[in-house]
Amino acid sequence: MARRYVEGTGQLLLALLGFGLFVAWFIALMAKMLRDVDEPGGSSHSVAWLGEAGAVIFAVSWIWSLVTSLSLIREAEANEPPQITPV
């Protein structure tokens, strides 16, 4: 609606990337838990970095969205026509 296609596309891509990493972490965690049921004491490497990176990237996309929204509000207020008060 505000015709800020670059910002919107960037925010969408970051949000999708962050969500994708978070889902990949969740799937890897569930697979590890299922393996641990079959083979107790099995050692496997941690993939916590996937969840952390996904959450951080997703949060960055939300913060970017907030900054863009505040910028749009300021721009709309600056371009608002002067109010005429009745006499």
PDB file of N, CA and C in Angstrom:
ATOM      1  N   MET A   1       0.812  -1.178   0.000  1.00  0.00           N
ATOM      2  CA  MET A   1       0.000   0.000   0.000  1.00  0.00           C
ATOM      3  C   MET A   1       0.864   1.252   0.000  1.00  0.00           C
ATOM      4  N   ALA A   2       2.017   1.179   0.645  1.00  0.00           N
ATOM      5  CA  ALA A   2       2.887   2.349   0.722  1.00  0.00           C
ATOM      6  C   ALA A   2       3.914   2.367  -0.403  1.00  0.00           C
ATOM      7  N   ARG A   3       3.894   1.356  -1.250  1.00  0.00           N
ATOM      8  CA  ARG A   3       4.797   1.246  -2.393  1.00  0.00           C
ATOM      9  C   ARG A   3       6.273   1.211  -1.993  1.00  0.00           C
ATOM     10  N   ARG A   4       6.545   0.583  -0.903  1.00  0.00           N
ATOM     11  CA  ARG A   4       7.940   0.358  -0.490  1.00  0.00           C
ATOM     12  C   ARG A   4       8.258  -1.119  -0.714  1.00  0.00           C
ATOM     13  N   TYR A   5       8.459  -1.440  -1.975  1.00  0.00           N
ATOM     14  CA  TYR A   5       8.610  -2.826  -2.367  1.00  0.00           C
ATOM     15  C   TYR A   5       9.929  -3.431  -1.899  1.00  0.00           C
ATOM     16  N   VAL A   6      10.995  -2.661  -1.918  1.00  0.00           N
ATOM     17  CA  VAL A   6      12.307  -3.185  -1.511  1.00  0.00           C
ATOM     18  C   VAL A   6      12.283  -3.540  -0.026  1.00  0.00           C
ATOM     19  N   GLU A   7      11.779  -2.621   0.802  1.00  0.00           N
ATOM     20  CA  GLU A   7      11.718  -2.884   2.235  1.00  0.00           C
ATOM     21  C   GLU A   7      10.803  -4.068   2.537  1.00  0.00           C
ATOM     22  N   GLY A   8       9.651  -4.104   1.881  1.00  0.00           N
ATOM     23  CA  GLY A   8       8.708  -5.195   2.115  1.00  0.00           C
ATOM     24  C   GLY A   8       9.264  -6.547   1.699  1.00  0.00           C
ATOM     25  N   THR A   9       9.935  -6.570   0.549  1.00  0.00           N
ATOM     26  CA  THR A   9      10.535  -7.818   0.088  1.00  0.00           C
ATOM     27  C   THR A   9      11.650  -8.270   1.020  1.00  0.00           C
ATOM     28  N   GLY A  10      12.470  -7.331   1.470  1.00  0.00           N
ATOM     29  CA  GLY A  10      13.540  -7.677   2.403  1.00  0.00           C
ATOM     30  C   GLY A  10      13.004  -8.203   3.718  1.00  0.00           C
ATOM     31  N   GLN A  11      11.978  -7.561   4.239  1.00  0.00           N
ATOM     32  CA  GLN A  11      11.375  -8.007   5.495  1.00  0.00           C
ATOM     33  C   GLN A  11      10.772  -9.399   5.348  1.00  0.00           C
ATOM     34  N   LEU A  12      10.082  -9.631   4.221  1.00  0.00           N
ATOM     35  CA  LEU A  12       9.471 -10.933   3.980  1.00  0.00           C
ATOM     36  C   LEU A  12      10.530 -12.022   3.863  1.00  0.00           C
ATOM     37  N   LEU A  13      11.594 -11.752   3.115  1.00  0.00           N
ATOM     38  CA  LEU A  13      12.656 -12.753   2.944  1.00  0.00           C
ATOM     39  C   LEU A  13      13.339 -13.070   4.272  1.00  0.00           C
ATOM     40  N   LEU A  14      13.608 -12.043   5.075  1.00  0.00           N
ATOM     41  CA  LEU A  14      14.221 -12.289   6.385  1.00  0.00           C
ATOM     42  C   LEU A  14      13.294 -13.095   7.282  1.00  0.00           C
ATOM     43  N   ALA A  15      12.019 -12.756   7.285  1.00  0.00           N
ATOM     44  CA  ALA A  15      11.067 -13.486   8.125  1.00  0.00           C
ATOM     45  C   ALA A  15      10.976 -14.947   7.691  1.00  0.00           C
ATOM     46  N   LEU A  16      10.920 -15.196   6.381  1.00  0.00           N
ATOM     47  CA  LEU A  16      10.851 -16.575   5.888  1.00  0.00           C
ATOM     48  C   LEU A  16      12.123 -17.352   6.190  1.00  0.00           C
ATOM     49  N   LEU A  17      13.277 -16.690   6.031  1.00  0.00           N
ATOM     50  CA  LEU A  17      14.543 -17.348   6.350  1.00  0.00           C
ATOM     51  C   LEU A  17      14.614 -17.698   7.830  1.00  0.00           C
ATOM     52  N   GLY A  18      14.261 -16.741   8.692  1.00  0.00           N
ATOM     53  CA  GLY A  18      14.287 -16.991  10.132  1.00  0.00           C
ATOM     54  C   GLY A  18      13.335 -18.102  10.526  1.00  0.00           C
ATOM     55  N   PHE A  19      12.131 -18.073   9.972  1.00  0.00           N
ATOM     56  CA  PHE A  19      11.159 -19.116  10.285  1.00  0.00           C
ATOM     57  C   PHE A  19      11.637 -20.468   9.777  1.00  0.00           C
ATOM     58  N   GLY A  20      12.219 -20.493   8.582  1.00  0.00           N
ATOM     59  CA  GLY A  20      12.734 -21.745   8.026  1.00  0.00           C
ATOM     60  C   GLY A  20      13.843 -22.346   8.887  1.00  0.00           C
ATOM     61  N   LEU A  21      14.749 -21.502   9.362  1.00  0.00           N
ATOM     62  CA  LEU A  21      15.812 -22.000  10.245  1.00  0.00           C
ATOM     63  C   LEU A  21      15.236 -22.516  11.557  1.00  0.00           C
ATOM     64  N   PHE A  22      14.238 -21.824  12.082  1.00  0.00           N
ATOM     65  CA  PHE A  22      13.613 -22.262  13.326  1.00  0.00           C
ATOM     66  C   PHE A  22      12.916 -23.607  13.147  1.00  0.00           C
ATOM     67  N   VAL A  23      12.219 -23.785  12.038  1.00  0.00           N
ATOM     68  CA  VAL A  23      11.550 -25.061  11.769  1.00  0.00           C
ATOM     69  C   VAL A  23      12.590 -26.165  11.561  1.00  0.00           C
ATOM     70  N   ALA A  24      13.680 -25.870  10.879  1.00  0.00           N
ATOM     71  CA  ALA A  24      14.746 -26.863  10.693  1.00  0.00           C
ATOM     72  C   ALA A  24      15.326 -27.289  12.036  1.00  0.00           C
ATOM     73  N   TRP A  25      15.521 -26.338  12.949  1.00  0.00           N
ATOM     74  CA  TRP A  25      15.999 -26.671  14.290  1.00  0.00           C
ATOM     75  C   TRP A  25      15.001 -27.577  15.002  1.00  0.00           C
ATOM     76  N   PHE A  26      13.718 -27.250  14.913  1.00  0.00           N
ATOM     77  CA  PHE A  26      12.700 -28.042  15.590  1.00  0.00           C
ATOM     78  C   PHE A  26      12.664 -29.472  15.060  1.00  0.00           C
ATOM     79  N   ILE A  27      12.744 -29.618  13.743  1.00  0.00           N
ATOM     80  CA  ILE A  27      12.739 -30.956  13.147  1.00  0.00           C
ATOM     81  C   ILE A  27      13.978 -31.737  13.577  1.00  0.00           C
ATOM     82  N   ALA A  28      15.144 -31.079  13.569  1.00  0.00           N
ATOM     83  CA  ALA A  28      16.377 -31.749  13.999  1.00  0.00           C
ATOM     84  C   ALA A  28      16.292 -32.143  15.473  1.00  0.00           C
ATOM     85  N   LEU A  29      15.707 -31.295  16.296  1.00  0.00           N
ATOM     86  CA  LEU A  29      15.563 -31.612  17.719  1.00  0.00           C
ATOM     87  C   LEU A  29      14.638 -32.804  17.918  1.00  0.00           C
ATOM     88  N   MET A  30      13.524 -32.837  17.203  1.00  0.00           N
ATOM     89  CA  MET A  30      12.599 -33.963  17.322  1.00  0.00           C
ATOM     90  C   MET A  30      13.251 -35.259  16.829  1.00  0.00           C
ATOM     91  N   ALA A  31      14.010 -35.196  15.739  1.00  0.00           N
ATOM     92  CA  ALA A  31      14.702 -36.381  15.228  1.00  0.00           C
ATOM     93  C   ALA A  31      15.717 -36.881  16.250  1.00  0.00           C
ATOM     94  N   LYS A  32      16.430 -35.958  16.896  1.00  0.00           N
ATOM     95  CA  LYS A  32      17.396 -36.336  17.934  1.00  0.00           C
ATOM     96  C   LYS A  32      16.697 -37.004  19.108  1.00  0.00           C
ATOM     97  N   MET A  33      15.564 -36.464  19.512  1.00  0.00           N
ATOM     98  CA  MET A  33      14.831 -37.058  20.631  1.00  0.00           C
ATOM     99  C   MET A  33      14.332 -38.465  20.280  1.00  0.00           C
ATOM    100  N   LEU A  34      13.878 -38.649  19.044  1.00  0.00           N
ATOM    101  CA  LEU A  34      13.428 -39.977  18.629  1.00  0.00           C
ATOM    102  C   LEU A  34      14.592 -40.968  18.579  1.00  0.00           C
ATOM    103  N   ARG A  35      15.757 -40.509  18.121  1.00  0.00           N
ATOM    104  CA  ARG A  35      16.938 -41.384  18.117  1.00  0.00           C
ATOM    105  C   ARG A  35      17.346 -41.749  19.537  1.00  0.00           C
ATOM    106  N   ASP A  36      17.231 -40.796  20.463  1.00  0.00           N
ATOM    107  CA  ASP A  36      17.614 -41.051  21.852  1.00  0.00           C
ATOM    108  C   ASP A  36      16.688 -42.065  22.511  1.00  0.00           C
ATOM    109  N   VAL A  37      15.444 -42.158  22.051  1.00  0.00           N
ATOM    110  CA  VAL A  37      14.526 -43.165  22.592  1.00  0.00           C
ATOM    111  C   VAL A  37      14.991 -44.553  22.172  1.00  0.00           C
ATOM    112  N   ASP A  38      15.408 -44.683  20.914  1.00  0.00           N
ATOM    113  CA  ASP A  38      15.873 -45.980  20.414  1.00  0.00           C
ATOM    114  C   ASP A  38      17.256 -46.333  20.940  1.00  0.00           C
ATOM    115  N   GLU A  39      18.137 -45.376  21.023  1.00  0.00           N
ATOM    116  CA  GLU A  39      19.518 -45.599  21.451  1.00  0.00           C
ATOM    117  C   GLU A  39      19.851 -44.653  22.597  1.00  0.00           C
ATOM    118  N   PRO A  40      19.503 -45.000  23.828  1.00  0.00           N
ATOM    119  CA  PRO A  40      19.800 -44.097  24.945  1.00  0.00           C
ATOM    120  C   PRO A  40      21.308 -43.860  25.078  1.00  0.00           C
ATOM    121  N   GLY A  41      21.657 -42.660  25.422  1.00  0.00           N
ATOM    122  CA  GLY A  41      23.059 -42.316  25.613  1.00  0.00           C
ATOM    123  C   GLY A  41      23.795 -42.057  24.318  1.00  0.00           C
ATOM    124  N   GLY A  42      23.098 -42.013  23.211  1.00  0.00           N
ATOM    125  CA  GLY A  42      23.733 -41.728  21.927  1.00  0.00           C
ATOM    126  C   GLY A  42      24.213 -40.284  21.892  1.00  0.00           C
ATOM    127  N   SER A  43      25.358 -40.089  21.309  1.00  0.00           N
ATOM    128  CA  SER A  43      25.882 -38.725  21.255  1.00  0.00           C
ATOM    129  C   SER A  43      25.653 -38.150  19.857  1.00  0.00           C
ATOM    130  N   SER A  44      25.113 -36.976  19.829  1.00  0.00           N
ATOM    131  CA  SER A  44      24.947 -36.265  18.566  1.00  0.00           C
ATOM    132  C   SER A  44      25.211 -34.792  18.825  1.00  0.00           C
ATOM    133  N   HIS A  45      25.613 -34.106  17.816  1.00  0.00           N
ATOM    134  CA  HIS A  45      25.961 -32.700  17.962  1.00  0.00           C
ATOM    135  C   HIS A  45      24.705 -31.843  18.123  1.00  0.00           C
ATOM    136  N   SER A  46      24.871 -30.737  18.784  1.00  0.00           N
ATOM    137  CA  SER A  46      23.757 -29.824  19.026  1.00  0.00           C
ATOM    138  C   SER A  46      23.492 -28.970  17.794  1.00  0.00           C
ATOM    139  N   VAL A  47      22.231 -28.722  17.543  1.00  0.00           N
ATOM    140  CA  VAL A  47      21.846 -27.838  16.455  1.00  0.00           C
ATOM    141  C   VAL A  47      21.110 -26.621  17.000  1.00  0.00           C
ATOM    142  N   ALA A  48      21.424 -26.267  18.233  1.00  0.00           N
ATOM    143  CA  ALA A  48      20.761 -25.128  18.858  1.00  0.00           C
ATOM    144  C   ALA A  48      21.020 -23.835  18.089  1.00  0.00           C
ATOM    145  N   TRP A  49      22.155 -23.778  17.402  1.00  0.00           N
ATOM    146  CA  TRP A  49      22.468 -22.560  16.649  1.00  0.00           C
ATOM    147  C   TRP A  49      21.432 -22.283  15.572  1.00  0.00           C
ATOM    148  N   LEU A  50      20.798 -23.348  15.032  1.00  0.00           N
ATOM    149  CA  LEU A  50      19.763 -23.141  14.025  1.00  0.00           C
ATOM    150  C   LEU A  50      18.578 -22.379  14.612  1.00  0.00           C
ATOM    151  N   GLY A  51      18.128 -22.806  15.776  1.00  0.00           N
ATOM    152  CA  GLY A  51      17.002 -22.138  16.423  1.00  0.00           C
ATOM    153  C   GLY A  51      17.338 -20.727  16.838  1.00  0.00           C
ATOM    154  N   GLU A  52      18.539 -20.553  17.385  1.00  0.00           N
ATOM    155  CA  GLU A  52      18.949 -19.211  17.822  1.00  0.00           C
ATOM    156  C   GLU A  52      19.079 -18.262  16.632  1.00  0.00           C
ATOM    157  N   ALA A  53      19.723 -18.731  15.577  1.00  0.00           N
ATOM    158  CA  ALA A  53      19.882 -17.885  14.386  1.00  0.00           C
ATOM    159  C   ALA A  53      18.528 -17.564  13.765  1.00  0.00           C
ATOM    160  N   GLY A  54      17.650 -18.558  13.714  1.00  0.00           N
ATOM    161  CA  GLY A  54      16.326 -18.334  13.160  1.00  0.00           C
ATOM    162  C   GLY A  54      15.538 -17.314  13.957  1.00  0.00           C
ATOM    163  N   ALA A  55      15.604 -17.418  15.286  1.00  0.00           N
ATOM    164  CA  ALA A  55      14.879 -16.468  16.136  1.00  0.00           C
ATOM    165  C   ALA A  55      15.441 -15.057  15.991  1.00  0.00           C
ATOM    166  N   VAL A  56      16.755 -14.939  15.921  1.00  0.00           N
ATOM    167  CA  VAL A  56      17.374 -13.616  15.780  1.00  0.00           C
ATOM    168  C   VAL A  56      17.022 -12.992  14.428  1.00  0.00           C
ATOM    169  N   ILE A  57      17.111 -13.772  13.357  1.00  0.00           N
ATOM    170  CA  ILE A  57      16.796 -13.246  12.031  1.00  0.00           C
ATOM    171  C   ILE A  57      15.329 -12.838  11.951  1.00  0.00           C
ATOM    172  N   PHE A  58      14.450 -13.656  12.530  1.00  0.00           N
ATOM    173  CA  PHE A  58      13.026 -13.320  12.533  1.00  0.00           C
ATOM    174  C   PHE A  58      12.775 -12.040  13.327  1.00  0.00           C
ATOM    175  N   ALA A  59      13.452 -11.887  14.470  1.00  0.00           N
ATOM    176  CA  ALA A  59      13.296 -10.673  15.284  1.00  0.00           C
ATOM    177  C   ALA A  59      13.804  -9.446  14.523  1.00  0.00           C
ATOM    178  N   VAL A  60      14.900  -9.599  13.793  1.00  0.00           N
ATOM    179  CA  VAL A  60      15.434  -8.487  13.006  1.00  0.00           C
ATOM    180  C   VAL A  60      14.421  -8.055  11.952  1.00  0.00           C
ATOM    181  N   SER A  61      13.736  -9.020  11.337  1.00  0.00           N
ATOM    182  CA  SER A  61      12.725  -8.651  10.334  1.00  0.00           C
ATOM    183  C   SER A  61      11.567  -7.891  10.980  1.00  0.00           C
ATOM    184  N   TRP A  62      11.183  -8.261  12.191  1.00  0.00           N
ATOM    185  CA  TRP A  62      10.121  -7.539  12.894  1.00  0.00           C
ATOM    186  C   TRP A  62      10.569  -6.133  13.283  1.00  0.00           C
ATOM    187  N   ILE A  63      11.797  -5.997  13.728  1.00  0.00           N
ATOM    188  CA  ILE A  63      12.312  -4.671  14.091  1.00  0.00           C
ATOM    189  C   ILE A  63      12.400  -3.790  12.847  1.00  0.00           C
ATOM    190  N   TRP A  64      12.854  -4.345  11.745  1.00  0.00           N
ATOM    191  CA  TRP A  64      12.900  -3.608  10.487  1.00  0.00           C
ATOM    192  C   TRP A  64      11.497  -3.154  10.092  1.00  0.00           C
ATOM    193  N   SER A  65      10.516  -4.026  10.280  1.00  0.00           N
ATOM    194  CA  SER A  65       9.126  -3.677   9.989  1.00  0.00           C
ATOM    195  C   SER A  65       8.644  -2.533  10.879  1.00  0.00           C
ATOM    196  N   LEU A  66       9.022  -2.557  12.147  1.00  0.00           N
ATOM    197  CA  LEU A  66       8.644  -1.486  13.066  1.00  0.00           C
ATOM    198  C   LEU A  66       9.248  -0.159  12.619  1.00  0.00           C
ATOM    199  N   VAL A  67      10.520  -0.176  12.265  1.00  0.00           N
ATOM    200  CA  VAL A  67      11.192   1.050  11.819  1.00  0.00           C
ATOM    201  C   VAL A  67      10.530   1.587  10.547  1.00  0.00           C
ATOM    202  N   THR A  68      10.222   0.698   9.611  1.00  0.00           N
ATOM    203  CA  THR A  68       9.558   1.118   8.379  1.00  0.00           C
ATOM    204  C   THR A  68       8.184   1.708   8.676  1.00  0.00           C
ATOM    205  N   SER A  69       7.434   1.081   9.573  1.00  0.00           N
ATOM    206  CA  SER A  69       6.101   1.575   9.926  1.00  0.00           C
ATOM    207  C   SER A  69       6.173   2.953  10.570  1.00  0.00           C
ATOM    208  N   LEU A  70       7.115   3.148  11.466  1.00  0.00           N
ATOM    209  CA  LEU A  70       7.270   4.458  12.100  1.00  0.00           C
ATOM    210  C   LEU A  70       7.661   5.512  11.061  1.00  0.00           C
ATOM    211  N   SER A  71       8.502   5.133  10.115  1.00  0.00           N
ATOM    212  CA  SER A  71       8.883   6.047   9.043  1.00  0.00           C
ATOM    213  C   SER A  71       7.672   6.439   8.196  1.00  0.00           C
ATOM    214  N   LEU A  72       6.813   5.477   7.903  1.00  0.00           N
ATOM    215  CA  LEU A  72       5.603   5.758   7.131  1.00  0.00           C
ATOM    216  C   LEU A  72       4.664   6.692   7.891  1.00  0.00           C
ATOM    217  N   ILE A  73       4.539   6.482   9.187  1.00  0.00           N
ATOM    218  CA  ILE A  73       3.679   7.357   9.994  1.00  0.00           C
ATOM    219  C   ILE A  73       4.214   8.778   9.989  1.00  0.00           C
ATOM    220  N   ARG A  74       5.529   8.931  10.185  1.00  0.00           N
ATOM    221  CA  ARG A  74       6.131  10.273  10.159  1.00  0.00           C
ATOM    222  C   ARG A  74       5.942  10.935   8.797  1.00  0.00           C
ATOM    223  N   GLU A  75       6.118  10.174   7.736  1.00  0.00           N
ATOM    224  CA  GLU A  75       5.958  10.718   6.384  1.00  0.00           C
ATOM    225  C   GLU A  75       4.509  11.137   6.141  1.00  0.00           C
ATOM    226  N   ALA A  76       3.565  10.340   6.595  1.00  0.00           N
ATOM    227  CA  ALA A  76       2.147  10.674   6.414  1.00  0.00           C
ATOM    228  C   ALA A  76       1.783  11.931   7.191  1.00  0.00           C
ATOM    229  N   GLU A  77       2.314  12.066   8.404  1.00  0.00           N
ATOM    230  CA  GLU A  77       2.033  13.265   9.191  1.00  0.00           C
ATOM    231  C   GLU A  77       2.650  14.504   8.553  1.00  0.00           C
ATOM    232  N   ALA A  78       3.827  14.370   7.977  1.00  0.00           N
ATOM    233  CA  ALA A  78       4.499  15.507   7.345  1.00  0.00           C
ATOM    234  C   ALA A  78       3.770  15.941   6.067  1.00  0.00           C
ATOM    235  N   ASN A  79       3.167  14.981   5.367  1.00  0.00           N
ATOM    236  CA  ASN A  79       2.485  15.296   4.116  1.00  0.00           C
ATOM    237  C   ASN A  79       1.001  15.584   4.292  1.00  0.00           C
ATOM    238  N   GLU A  80       0.550  15.599   5.520  1.00  0.00           N
ATOM    239  CA  GLU A  80      -0.867  15.854   5.766  1.00  0.00           C
ATOM    240  C   GLU A  80      -1.197  17.309   5.457  1.00  0.00           C
ATOM    241  N   PRO A  81      -2.297  17.548   4.754  1.00  0.00           N
ATOM    242  CA  PRO A  81      -2.650  18.942   4.462  1.00  0.00           C
ATOM    243  C   PRO A  81      -3.036  19.672   5.738  1.00  0.00           C
ATOM    244  N   PRO A  82      -2.834  20.983   5.762  1.00  0.00           N
ATOM    245  CA  PRO A  82      -3.158  21.737   6.960  1.00  0.00           C
ATOM    246  C   PRO A  82      -4.670  21.675   7.258  1.00  0.00           C
ATOM    247  N   GLN A  83      -4.972  21.612   8.535  1.00  0.00           N
ATOM    248  CA  GLN A  83      -6.358  21.547   8.965  1.00  0.00           C
ATOM    249  C   GLN A  83      -6.968  22.957   8.956  1.00  0.00           C
ATOM    250  N   ILE A  84      -8.123  23.091   8.363  1.00  0.00           N
ATOM    251  CA  ILE A  84      -8.821  24.367   8.344  1.00  0.00           C
ATOM    252  C   ILE A  84      -9.884  24.320   9.440  1.00  0.00           C
ATOM    253  N   THR A  85      -9.779  25.233  10.350  1.00  0.00           N
ATOM    254  CA  THR A  85     -10.768  25.270  11.435  1.00  0.00           C
ATOM    255  C   THR A  85     -11.869  26.243  11.080  1.00  0.00           C
ATOM    256  N   PRO A  86     -13.102  25.854  11.315  1.00  0.00           N
ATOM    257  CA  PRO A  86     -14.198  26.772  11.015  1.00  0.00           C
ATOM    258  C   PRO A  86     -14.192  27.975  11.960  1.00  0.00           C
ATOM    259  N   VAL A  87     -14.577  29.106  11.434  1.00  0.00           N
ATOM    260  CA  VAL A  87     -14.592  30.336  12.225  1.00  0.00           C
ATOM    261  C   VAL A  87     -15.921  30.546  12.893  1.00  0.00           C
TER     262      VAL A  87
END
